[in-house]
C-alpha atoms as a PDB file:
ATOM      1  CA  MET A   1     -20.226  26.627   6.276  1.00  0.00           C
ATOM      2  CA  THR A   2     -19.009  23.854   3.920  1.00  0.00           C
ATOM      3  CA  ASP A   3     -17.556  20.412   4.974  1.00  0.00           C
ATOM      4  CA  LYS A   4     -13.908  20.059   4.079  1.00  0.00           C
ATOM      5  CA  LEU A   5     -14.371  16.315   3.195  1.00  0.00           C
ATOM      6  CA  TYR A   6     -17.100  17.354   0.855  1.00  0.00           C
ATOM      7  CA  GLU A   7     -15.123  19.786  -0.711  1.00  0.00           C
ATOM      8  CA  ALA A   8     -12.093  17.530  -0.928  1.00  0.00           C
ATOM      9  CA  THR A   9     -14.372  14.951  -2.966  1.00  0.00           C
ATOM     10  CA  LYS A  10     -15.125  17.295  -5.636  1.00  0.00           C
ATOM     11  CA  LYS A  11     -11.515  17.858  -6.514  1.00  0.00           C
ATOM     12  CA  GLU A  12     -10.047  15.574  -9.401  1.00  0.00           C
ATOM     13  CA  VAL A  13      -8.276  12.464  -8.643  1.00  0.00           C
ATOM     14  CA  MET A  14      -4.484  12.284  -8.961  1.00  0.00           C
ATOM     15  CA  SER A  15      -2.996  10.153 -11.531  1.00  0.00           C
ATOM     16  CA  GLU A  16      -0.442   7.413 -10.626  1.00  0.00           C
ATOM     17  CA  HIS A  17       2.187   9.630 -11.929  1.00  0.00           C
ATOM     18  CA  GLU A  18       1.199  12.591  -9.845  1.00  0.00           C
ATOM     19  CA  GLU A  19       0.762  10.338  -6.730  1.00  0.00           C
ATOM     20  CA  TYR A  20       4.363   9.239  -7.148  1.00  0.00           C
ATOM     21  CA  VAL A  21       5.553  12.566  -7.683  1.00  0.00           C
ATOM     22  CA  ASN A  22       3.598  13.930  -4.347  1.00  0.00           C
ATOM     23  CA  ALA A  23       4.617  10.878  -2.439  1.00  0.00           C
ATOM     24  CA  ASP A  24       7.109  11.001   0.812  1.00  0.00           C
ATOM     25  CA  VAL A  25       8.577   7.793  -0.278  1.00  0.00           C
ATOM     26  CA  PRO A  26      10.829   7.312  -3.309  1.00  0.00           C
ATOM     27  CA  ILE A  27       9.468   5.086  -6.116  1.00  0.00           C
ATOM     28  CA  GLU A  28      12.279   2.626  -5.739  1.00  0.00           C
ATOM     29  CA  ILE A  29      11.179   1.826  -2.079  1.00  0.00           C
ATOM     30  CA  TRP A  30       7.486   1.377  -3.452  1.00  0.00           C
ATOM     31  CA  ILE A  31       8.898  -1.072  -5.996  1.00  0.00           C
ATOM     32  CA  GLU A  32      10.800  -2.936  -3.605  1.00  0.00           C
ATOM     33  CA  ARG A  33       7.761  -3.281  -1.064  1.00  0.00           C
ATOM     34  CA  ASN A  34       5.627  -4.437  -3.936  1.00  0.00           C
ATOM     35  CA  LYS A  35       8.118  -7.069  -5.088  1.00  0.00           C
ATOM     36  CA  TYR A  36       8.253  -8.296  -1.467  1.00  0.00           C
ATOM     37  CA  LEU A  37       4.393  -8.367  -1.103  1.00  0.00           C
ATOM     38  CA  HIS A  38       4.292 -10.412  -4.316  1.00  0.00           C
ATOM     39  CA  GLN A  39       6.598 -12.757  -3.072  1.00  0.00           C
ATOM     40  CA  HIS A  40       4.747 -13.014   0.089  1.00  0.00           C
ATOM     41  CA  ILE A  41       1.478 -13.620  -1.590  1.00  0.00           C
ATOM     42  CA  ASP A  42       3.085 -16.412  -3.694  1.00  0.00           C
ATOM     43  CA  MET A  43       4.558 -18.069  -0.479  1.00  0.00           C
ATOM     44  CA  LEU A  44       1.288 -17.891   1.295  1.00  0.00           C
ATOM     45  CA  THR A  45      -0.563 -19.312  -1.938  1.00  0.00           C
ATOM     46  CA  GLU A  46       1.597 -22.191  -2.116  1.00  0.00           C
ATOM     47  CA  GLU A  47       1.291 -23.080   1.456  1.00  0.00           C
ATOM     48  CA  LEU A  48      -2.450 -22.551   1.054  1.00  0.00           C
ATOM     49  CA  ILE A  49      -2.176 -25.402  -1.610  1.00  0.00           C
ATOM     50  CA  LYS A  50      -0.365 -27.598   0.427  1.00  0.00           C
ATOM     51  CA  VAL A  51      -2.787 -27.305   3.521  1.00  0.00           C
ATOM     52  CA  ARG A  52      -5.636 -28.129   1.137  1.00  0.00           C
ATOM     53  CA  LEU A  53      -3.921 -31.259  -0.073  1.00  0.00           C
ATOM     54  CA  ASP A  54      -3.179 -32.336   2.988  1.00  0.00           C
ATOM     55  CA  ASN A  55      -6.861 -31.655   4.337  1.00  0.00           C
ATOM     56  CA  LYS A  56      -7.850 -33.858   1.396  1.00  0.00           C
ATOM     57  CA  LYS A  57      -5.697 -36.641   2.465  1.00  0.00           C
ATOM     58  CA  LEU A  58      -6.669 -36.601   6.045  1.00  0.00           C
ATOM     59  CA  SER A  59     -10.327 -36.571   4.995  1.00  0.00           C
ATOM     60  CA  LYS A  60      -9.864 -39.644   3.070  1.00  0.00           C
ATOM     61  CA  GLN A  61      -8.110 -41.207   5.969  1.00  0.00           C
ATOM     62  CA  ILE A  62     -10.862 -40.464   8.245  1.00  0.00           C
ATOM     63  CA  GLU A  63     -13.450 -41.910   5.690  1.00  0.00           C
ATOM     64  CA  ASP A  64     -11.348 -45.252   5.336  1.00  0.00           C
ATOM     65  CA  GLN A  65     -11.067 -45.830   8.875  1.00  0.00           C
ATOM     66  CA  ILE A  66     -14.857 -44.996   9.424  1.00  0.00           C
ATOM     67  CA  LYS A  67     -15.658 -47.692   6.633  1.00  0.00           C
ATOM     68  CA  GLN A  68     -13.226 -50.177   8.161  1.00  0.00           C
ATOM     69  CA  PHE A  69     -14.969 -49.705  11.848  1.00  0.00           C
ATOM     70  CA  ARG A  70     -18.441 -50.026  10.182  1.00  0.00           C
ATOM     71  CA  ASN A  71     -17.336 -53.097   8.340  1.00  0.00           C
ATOM     72  CA  THR A  72     -15.936 -54.774  11.603  1.00  0.00           C
ATOM     73  CA  GLY A  73     -18.824 -53.841  13.633  1.00  0.00           C
ATOM     74  CA  GLY A  74     -16.919 -51.144  15.818  1.00  0.00           C
ATOM     75  CA  LEU A  75     -19.495 -48.696  15.111  1.00  0.00           C
END
């Protein structure tokens, strides 16, 4: 008795063209989805950069406040 998964791994891998031909979804839809995903990744990247910059500003503010408290004897 042979394992079906093992037999499947012995077959050749399909090329990208063969995958598109055998796909249930037309290539135009894949292109649209890919475009949407790239836009979403770009948006998330920009948001992450803004959050990091904001985090640096807040860290600087906290450090300045701690220095001020230490200088005045609050801490």
